[in-house]
C-alpha atoms as a PDB file:
ATOM      1  CA  MET A   1      48.622  80.689 -46.992  1.00  0.00           C
ATOM      2  CA  GLU A   2      45.845  80.843 -44.394  1.00  0.00           C
ATOM      3  CA  ILE A   3      46.460  81.766 -40.786  1.00  0.00           C
ATOM      4  CA  GLU A   4      44.111  80.738 -37.989  1.00  0.00           C
ATOM      5  CA  ILE A   5      44.393  82.464 -34.625  1.00  0.00           C
ATOM      6  CA  CYS A   6      43.233  80.572 -31.535  1.00  0.00           C
ATOM      7  CA  THR A   7      41.171  82.958 -29.395  1.00  0.00           C
ATOM      8  CA  ASN A   8      39.746  82.239 -25.960  1.00  0.00           C
ATOM      9  CA  SER A   9      37.377  85.203 -25.545  1.00  0.00           C
ATOM     10  CA  ARG A  10      35.672  88.097 -27.286  1.00  0.00           C
ATOM     11  CA  ARG A  11      38.586  90.331 -26.325  1.00  0.00           C
ATOM     12  CA  SER A  12      41.068  87.902 -27.831  1.00  0.00           C
ATOM     13  CA  ALA A  13      38.986  87.724 -31.009  1.00  0.00           C
ATOM     14  CA  GLN A  14      38.935  91.517 -31.213  1.00  0.00           C
ATOM     15  CA  ASN A  15      42.706  91.564 -30.721  1.00  0.00           C
ATOM     16  CA  ALA A  16      43.173  88.965 -33.455  1.00  0.00           C
ATOM     17  CA  LEU A  17      41.133  91.130 -35.823  1.00  0.00           C
ATOM     18  CA  ALA A  18      43.142  94.212 -34.845  1.00  0.00           C
ATOM     19  CA  GLY A  19      46.323  92.307 -35.690  1.00  0.00           C
ATOM     20  CA  GLY A  20      45.074  91.498 -39.174  1.00  0.00           C
ATOM     21  CA  ALA A  21      43.552  88.037 -38.696  1.00  0.00           C
ATOM     22  CA  LYS A  22      40.630  86.976 -40.847  1.00  0.00           C
ATOM     23  CA  ARG A  23      40.047  83.541 -39.334  1.00  0.00           C
ATOM     24  CA  ILE A  24      39.908  82.359 -35.744  1.00  0.00           C
ATOM     25  CA  GLU A  25      39.375  79.218 -33.761  1.00  0.00           C
ATOM     26  CA  LEU A  26      37.082  80.301 -30.940  1.00  0.00           C
ATOM     27  CA  CYS A  27      37.159  78.509 -27.597  1.00  0.00           C
ATOM     28  CA  ARG A  28      37.458  79.151 -23.850  1.00  0.00           C
ATOM     29  CA  ARG A  29      39.652  77.702 -21.086  1.00  0.00           C
ATOM     30  CA  LEU A  30      42.953  77.410 -22.918  1.00  0.00           C
ATOM     31  CA  ASP A  31      44.449  76.299 -19.614  1.00  0.00           C
ATOM     32  CA  VAL A  32      42.828  72.880 -20.155  1.00  0.00           C
ATOM     33  CA  GLY A  33      43.369  72.773 -23.910  1.00  0.00           C
ATOM     34  CA  GLY A  34      40.187  74.593 -24.837  1.00  0.00           C
ATOM     35  CA  LEU A  35      36.454  74.024 -24.293  1.00  0.00           C
ATOM     36  CA  THR A  36      33.271  75.002 -26.137  1.00  0.00           C
ATOM     37  CA  PRO A  37      32.670  78.773 -26.038  1.00  0.00           C
ATOM     38  CA  SER A  38      29.347  80.413 -25.221  1.00  0.00           C
ATOM     39  CA  PRO A  39      26.670  80.944 -27.890  1.00  0.00           C
ATOM     40  CA  ASP A  40      26.870  84.701 -27.302  1.00  0.00           C
ATOM     41  CA  ASP A  41      30.607  84.717 -28.029  1.00  0.00           C
ATOM     42  CA  ILE A  42      30.095  82.687 -31.211  1.00  0.00           C
ATOM     43  CA  ASP A  43      27.385  85.074 -32.379  1.00  0.00           C
ATOM     44  CA  PHE A  44      29.566  88.108 -31.593  1.00  0.00           C
ATOM     45  CA  CYS A  45      32.547  86.832 -33.576  1.00  0.00           C
ATOM     46  CA  VAL A  46      30.445  85.791 -36.569  1.00  0.00           C
ATOM     47  CA  HIS A  47      28.099  88.747 -36.830  1.00  0.00           C
ATOM     48  CA  GLN A  48      29.797  91.657 -35.067  1.00  0.00           C
ATOM     49  CA  LEU A  49      33.436  91.015 -35.931  1.00  0.00           C
ATOM     50  CA  ASN A  50      32.696  89.306 -39.257  1.00  0.00           C
ATOM     51  CA  LEU A  51      35.533  86.879 -38.668  1.00  0.00           C
ATOM     52  CA  ARG A  52      35.655  83.451 -40.282  1.00  0.00           C
ATOM     53  CA  THR A  53      34.866  81.582 -37.088  1.00  0.00           C
ATOM     54  CA  HIS A  54      35.826  77.957 -36.468  1.00  0.00           C
ATOM     55  CA  VAL A  55      34.329  76.852 -33.157  1.00  0.00           C
ATOM     56  CA  LEU A  56      35.949  74.311 -30.866  1.00  0.00           C
ATOM     57  CA  VAL A  57      33.315  71.861 -29.638  1.00  0.00           C
ATOM     58  CA  ARG A  58      34.650  70.059 -26.592  1.00  0.00           C
ATOM     59  CA  PRO A  59      32.384  69.679 -23.534  1.00  0.00           C
ATOM     60  CA  ARG A  60      35.064  68.846 -20.975  1.00  0.00           C
ATOM     61  CA  GLU A  61      38.776  68.550 -20.411  1.00  0.00           C
ATOM     62  CA  GLY A  62      40.553  65.201 -20.502  1.00  0.00           C
ATOM     63  CA  ASP A  63      40.486  62.433 -23.067  1.00  0.00           C
ATOM     64  CA  PHE A  64      38.505  62.239 -26.293  1.00  0.00           C
ATOM     65  CA  CYS A  65      36.479  59.108 -25.549  1.00  0.00           C
ATOM     66  CA  TYR A  66      33.031  60.455 -24.798  1.00  0.00           C
ATOM     67  CA  SER A  67      30.008  58.906 -23.129  1.00  0.00           C
ATOM     68  CA  PHE A  68      26.699  58.754 -24.984  1.00  0.00           C
ATOM     69  CA  GLU A  69      25.492  61.733 -22.955  1.00  0.00           C
ATOM     70  CA  GLU A  70      28.615  63.753 -23.773  1.00  0.00           C
ATOM     71  CA  TYR A  71      28.319  62.889 -27.456  1.00  0.00           C
ATOM     72  CA  ASP A  72      24.739  64.143 -27.440  1.00  0.00           C
ATOM     73  CA  ILE A  73      25.994  67.434 -25.964  1.00  0.00           C
ATOM     74  CA  ILE A  74      28.586  67.700 -28.733  1.00  0.00           C
ATOM     75  CA  ARG A  75      25.947  67.024 -31.379  1.00  0.00           C
ATOM     76  CA  ARG A  76      23.653  69.649 -29.872  1.00  0.00           C
ATOM     77  CA  ASP A  77      26.461  72.214 -29.753  1.00  0.00           C
ATOM     78  CA  VAL A  78      27.413  71.506 -33.373  1.00  0.00           C
ATOM     79  CA  GLY A  79      23.811  72.155 -34.373  1.00  0.00           C
ATOM     80  CA  LEU A  80      23.856  75.414 -32.421  1.00  0.00           C
ATOM     81  CA  CYS A  81      27.063  76.487 -34.181  1.00  0.00           C
ATOM     82  CA  ARG A  82      25.359  75.902 -37.518  1.00  0.00           C
ATOM     83  CA  GLN A  83      22.340  77.972 -36.454  1.00  0.00           C
ATOM     84  CA  LEU A  84      24.615  80.815 -35.339  1.00  0.00           C
ATOM     85  CA  GLY A  85      26.388  80.931 -38.690  1.00  0.00           C
ATOM     86  CA  ALA A  86      29.767  79.504 -37.684  1.00  0.00           C
ATOM     87  CA  HIS A  87      31.947  78.579 -40.648  1.00  0.00           C
ATOM     88  CA  ALA A  88      33.392  75.386 -39.162  1.00  0.00           C
ATOM     89  CA  VAL A  89      33.473  73.262 -36.051  1.00  0.00           C
ATOM     90  CA  VAL A  90      36.580  71.737 -34.522  1.00  0.00           C
ATOM     91  CA  VAL A  91      36.099  68.288 -32.968  1.00  0.00           C
ATOM     92  CA  GLY A  92      37.937  65.073 -32.261  1.00  0.00           C
ATOM     93  CA  PHE A  93      36.944  61.539 -31.289  1.00  0.00           C
ATOM     94  CA  LEU A  94      39.131  58.602 -30.306  1.00  0.00           C
ATOM     95  CA  THR A  95      38.277  55.019 -29.425  1.00  0.00           C
ATOM     96  CA  PRO A  96      39.334  53.592 -26.041  1.00  0.00           C
ATOM     97  CA  ASP A  97      42.362  51.987 -27.702  1.00  0.00           C
ATOM     98  CA  GLY A  98      43.545  55.330 -29.092  1.00  0.00           C
ATOM     99  CA  ARG A  99      42.443  55.076 -32.703  1.00  0.00           C
ATOM    100  CA  ILE A 100      40.351  57.522 -34.738  1.00  0.00           C
ATOM    101  CA  ASP A 101      36.671  56.940 -33.909  1.00  0.00           C
ATOM    102  CA  GLU A 102      35.460  56.861 -37.482  1.00  0.00           C
ATOM    103  CA  GLU A 103      31.791  56.225 -36.737  1.00  0.00           C
ATOM    104  CA  ARG A 104      31.328  59.267 -34.528  1.00  0.00           C
ATOM    105  CA  THR A 105      33.545  61.502 -36.643  1.00  0.00           C
ATOM    106  CA  ARG A 106      31.713  60.605 -39.858  1.00  0.00           C
ATOM    107  CA  HIS A 107      28.350  61.218 -38.221  1.00  0.00           C
ATOM    108  CA  ILE A 108      29.383  64.676 -36.990  1.00  0.00           C
ATOM    109  CA  VAL A 109      30.771  65.628 -40.411  1.00  0.00           C
ATOM    110  CA  GLN A 110      27.442  64.723 -42.011  1.00  0.00           C
ATOM    111  CA  PHE A 111      25.431  66.444 -39.276  1.00  0.00           C
ATOM    112  CA  ALA A 112      27.547  69.624 -39.387  1.00  0.00           C
ATOM    113  CA  ALA A 113      27.096  70.281 -43.124  1.00  0.00           C
ATOM    114  CA  PRO A 114      27.345  72.770 -44.723  1.00  0.00           C
ATOM    115  CA  MET A 115      29.920  73.806 -42.106  1.00  0.00           C
ATOM    116  CA  GLN A 116      33.424  72.490 -42.508  1.00  0.00           C
ATOM    117  CA  VAL A 117      34.883  70.158 -39.881  1.00  0.00           C
ATOM    118  CA  THR A 118      38.411  70.233 -38.491  1.00  0.00           C
ATOM    119  CA  PHE A 119      39.668  67.169 -36.618  1.00  0.00           C
ATOM    120  CA  HIS A 120      41.610  68.739 -33.758  1.00  0.00           C
ATOM    121  CA  ARG A 121      44.720  67.755 -31.807  1.00  0.00           C
ATOM    122  CA  ALA A 122      43.131  64.604 -30.484  1.00  0.00           C
ATOM    123  CA  PHE A 123      45.007  63.429 -33.582  1.00  0.00           C
ATOM    124  CA  ASP A 124      48.269  63.972 -31.680  1.00  0.00           C
ATOM    125  CA  GLU A 125      47.198  61.491 -28.995  1.00  0.00           C
ATOM    126  CA  ILE A 126      46.550  58.555 -31.294  1.00  0.00           C
ATOM    127  CA  HIS A 127      48.008  55.101 -30.688  1.00  0.00           C
ATOM    128  CA  GLN A 128      48.248  54.253 -34.370  1.00  0.00           C
ATOM    129  CA  ASP A 129      50.503  55.197 -37.252  1.00  0.00           C
ATOM    130  CA  PRO A 130      49.887  58.865 -38.206  1.00  0.00           C
ATOM    131  CA  LEU A 131      49.557  58.057 -41.901  1.00  0.00           C
ATOM    132  CA  GLU A 132      47.022  55.349 -41.098  1.00  0.00           C
ATOM    133  CA  ALA A 133      45.134  57.813 -38.897  1.00  0.00           C
ATOM    134  CA  LEU A 134      45.242  60.363 -41.705  1.00  0.00           C
ATOM    135  CA  GLU A 135      43.440  57.956 -44.015  1.00  0.00           C
ATOM    136  CA  ALA A 136      40.816  57.313 -41.342  1.00  0.00           C
ATOM    137  CA  VAL A 137      40.086  61.033 -40.956  1.00  0.00           C
ATOM    138  CA  ILE A 138      39.905  61.428 -44.742  1.00  0.00           C
ATOM    139  CA  ARG A 139      37.393  58.569 -44.937  1.00  0.00           C
ATOM    140  CA  CYS A 140      35.227  60.452 -42.442  1.00  0.00           C
ATOM    141  CA  GLY A 141      35.031  63.479 -44.725  1.00  0.00           C
ATOM    142  CA  CYS A 142      36.808  66.011 -42.519  1.00  0.00           C
ATOM    143  CA  HIS A 143      38.158  69.096 -44.241  1.00  0.00           C
ATOM    144  CA  ARG A 144      41.358  69.528 -42.221  1.00  0.00           C
ATOM    145  CA  ILE A 145      43.440  68.148 -39.367  1.00  0.00           C
ATOM    146  CA  LEU A 146      44.919  70.433 -36.717  1.00  0.00           C
ATOM    147  CA  THR A 147      48.131  68.721 -35.666  1.00  0.00           C
ATOM    148  CA  SER A 148      51.631  69.260 -34.342  1.00  0.00           C
ATOM    149  CA  GLY A 149      52.795  66.162 -36.171  1.00  0.00           C
ATOM    150  CA  CYS A 150      52.198  64.076 -33.021  1.00  0.00           C
ATOM    151  CA  CYS A 151      54.939  66.013 -31.187  1.00  0.00           C
ATOM    152  CA  PRO A 152      54.894  68.515 -28.306  1.00  0.00           C
ATOM    153  CA  ASP A 153      54.961  71.357 -30.849  1.00  0.00           C
ATOM    154  CA  ALA A 154      54.821  71.854 -34.605  1.00  0.00           C
ATOM    155  CA  GLU A 155      58.496  72.715 -34.943  1.00  0.00           C
ATOM    156  CA  GLN A 156      59.502  69.354 -33.481  1.00  0.00           C
ATOM    157  CA  GLY A 157      56.847  67.726 -35.626  1.00  0.00           C
ATOM    158  CA  ILE A 158      58.157  69.061 -38.949  1.00  0.00           C
ATOM    159  CA  PRO A 159      59.133  65.619 -40.352  1.00  0.00           C
ATOM    160  CA  THR A 160      55.708  64.115 -39.625  1.00  0.00           C
ATOM    161  CA  LEU A 161      53.877  67.243 -40.772  1.00  0.00           C
ATOM    162  CA  ARG A 162      55.777  67.052 -44.041  1.00  0.00           C
ATOM    163  CA  ALA A 163      54.841  63.383 -44.460  1.00  0.00           C
ATOM    164  CA  LEU A 164      51.187  64.040 -43.620  1.00  0.00           C
ATOM    165  CA  HIS A 165      50.960  66.952 -46.041  1.00  0.00           C
ATOM    166  CA  ALA A 166      52.518  64.890 -48.832  1.00  0.00           C
ATOM    167  CA  ALA A 167      50.287  61.888 -48.166  1.00  0.00           C
ATOM    168  CA  ALA A 168      47.174  64.062 -48.006  1.00  0.00           C
ATOM    169  CA  ASN A 169      47.876  65.146 -51.587  1.00  0.00           C
ATOM    170  CA  GLY A 170      45.074  67.705 -51.603  1.00  0.00           C
ATOM    171  CA  ARG A 171      42.448  65.367 -50.176  1.00  0.00           C
ATOM    172  CA  ILE A 172      42.483  67.128 -46.794  1.00  0.00           C
ATOM    173  CA  THR A 173      44.284  70.162 -45.381  1.00  0.00           C
ATOM    174  CA  ILE A 174      46.994  69.776 -42.757  1.00  0.00           C
ATOM    175  CA  LEU A 175      46.751  72.706 -40.334  1.00  0.00           C
ATOM    176  CA  ALA A 176      50.052  72.967 -38.459  1.00  0.00           C
ATOM    177  CA  GLY A 177      49.615  74.103 -34.869  1.00  0.00           C
ATOM    178  CA  ALA A 178      51.112  74.109 -31.353  1.00  0.00           C
ATOM    179  CA  GLY A 179      53.991  76.392 -30.489  1.00  0.00           C
ATOM    180  CA  VAL A 180      53.759  78.335 -33.752  1.00  0.00           C
ATOM    181  CA  THR A 181      55.359  81.772 -33.338  1.00  0.00           C
ATOM    182  CA  PRO A 182      56.623  84.594 -35.553  1.00  0.00           C
ATOM    183  CA  ALA A 183      60.108  83.139 -35.024  1.00  0.00           C
ATOM    184  CA  ASN A 184      59.405  79.657 -36.390  1.00  0.00           C
ATOM    185  CA  ALA A 185      56.302  79.949 -38.600  1.00  0.00           C
ATOM    186  CA  ALA A 186      58.213  80.518 -41.833  1.00  0.00           C
ATOM    187  CA  ARG A 187      60.460  77.515 -41.197  1.00  0.00           C
ATOM    188  CA  ILE A 188      57.483  75.276 -40.462  1.00  0.00           C
ATOM    189  CA  VAL A 189      55.753  76.361 -43.667  1.00  0.00           C
ATOM    190  CA  GLN A 190      58.859  76.075 -45.824  1.00  0.00           C
ATOM    191  CA  GLU A 191      59.940  72.671 -44.521  1.00  0.00           C
ATOM    192  CA  THR A 192      56.518  71.009 -44.485  1.00  0.00           C
ATOM    193  CA  GLY A 193      54.702  72.562 -47.434  1.00  0.00           C
ATOM    194  CA  VAL A 194      51.535  73.174 -45.384  1.00  0.00           C
ATOM    195  CA  THR A 195      49.235  75.939 -46.563  1.00  0.00           C
ATOM    196  CA  GLU A 196      47.566  76.650 -43.214  1.00  0.00           C
ATOM    197  CA  ILE A 197      49.007  77.396 -39.773  1.00  0.00           C
ATOM    198  CA  HIS A 198      47.427  77.869 -36.353  1.00  0.00           C
ATOM    199  CA  GLY A 199      48.788  79.996 -33.517  1.00  0.00           C
ATOM    200  CA  SER A 200      47.469  81.534 -30.316  1.00  0.00           C
ATOM    201  CA  CYS A 201      49.793  84.577 -30.340  1.00  0.00           C
ATOM    202  CA  LYS A 202      48.950  84.942 -26.671  1.00  0.00           C
ATOM    203  CA  HIS A 203      50.453  86.850 -23.793  1.00  0.00           C
ATOM    204  CA  THR A 204      49.684  86.912 -20.069  1.00  0.00           C
ATOM    205  CA  LEU A 205      48.298  90.033 -18.425  1.00  0.00           C
ATOM    206  CA  PRO A 206      49.357  91.174 -14.915  1.00  0.00           C
ATOM    207  CA  ASP A 207      46.224  89.572 -13.421  1.00  0.00           C
ATOM    208  CA  GLY A 208      47.154  86.210 -14.943  1.00  0.00           C
ATOM    209  CA  THR A 209      44.606  86.371 -17.750  1.00  0.00           C
ATOM    210  CA  VAL A 210      45.794  84.950 -21.052  1.00  0.00           C
ATOM    211  CA  GLU A 211      44.680  86.676 -24.232  1.00  0.00           C
ATOM    212  CA  THR A 212      45.659  87.143 -27.854  1.00  0.00           C
ATOM    213  CA  ASP A 213      48.176  89.931 -28.493  1.00  0.00           C
ATOM    214  CA  PRO A 214      47.443  91.917 -31.685  1.00  0.00           C
ATOM    215  CA  LYS A 215      51.115  92.801 -32.124  1.00  0.00           C
ATOM    216  CA  ILE A 216      52.132  89.134 -32.129  1.00  0.00           C
ATOM    217  CA  VAL A 217      49.343  88.353 -34.598  1.00  0.00           C
ATOM    218  CA  GLU A 218      50.673  91.055 -36.894  1.00  0.00           C
ATOM    219  CA  GLN A 219      54.222  89.725 -36.533  1.00  0.00           C
ATOM    220  CA  LEU A 220      53.080  86.187 -37.316  1.00  0.00           C
ATOM    221  CA  ILE A 221      51.291  87.289 -40.467  1.00  0.00           C
ATOM    222  CA  LYS A 222      54.304  89.290 -41.609  1.00  0.00           C
ATOM    223  CA  SER A 223      56.705  86.436 -40.885  1.00  0.00           C
ATOM    224  CA  ILE A 224      55.160  84.191 -43.511  1.00  0.00           C
ATOM    225  CA  SER A 225      54.340  86.860 -46.070  1.00  0.00           C
ATOM    226  CA  GLN A 226      57.914  88.032 -46.560  1.00  0.00           C
END
């Protein structure tokens, strides 16, 4: 079982490490679903914290249909992640009619190598059958899909997560995420069969800042190792 902790800052990454995490998804601006972090933060997590760092590459909030200019920014940022030693990038592309954009996804997978590529929760906004979308992402060469099973959270998405994991049959990893907590992680794993889960383990500080809580990270890890 692999656990990925979503971290929105250096401090959150440090807290994830303190809680026992070995792998993070690094981003910023969780309030809008996450945006591309700074190069300095990527470098810090890779080389100072020695965490397996998967970097979210998303230039703006909103939908996942990008202009040519925005796509060029994504491509540039993916190249920068590779130069900085990131282990994976996390991206997602949809067509205007809500289907997996296979052309752009395939191109980014090829360009990102040897980094791995996770197709993120843009998958949960598709307007096509999830199993059909799964096959599209597999054709593109992605290594995993971060998904809640096309539901508001992974616990509600257990039936679809189970179906996706079964249909993937080892060809791609289903990374269950959204609303994963120490209280429900074991159930999600047991009822879906997934081998990777994703959680933010966050709490809100008195000033309103949201950051990863090392105690919750530790609890999450323990909840699925018992």
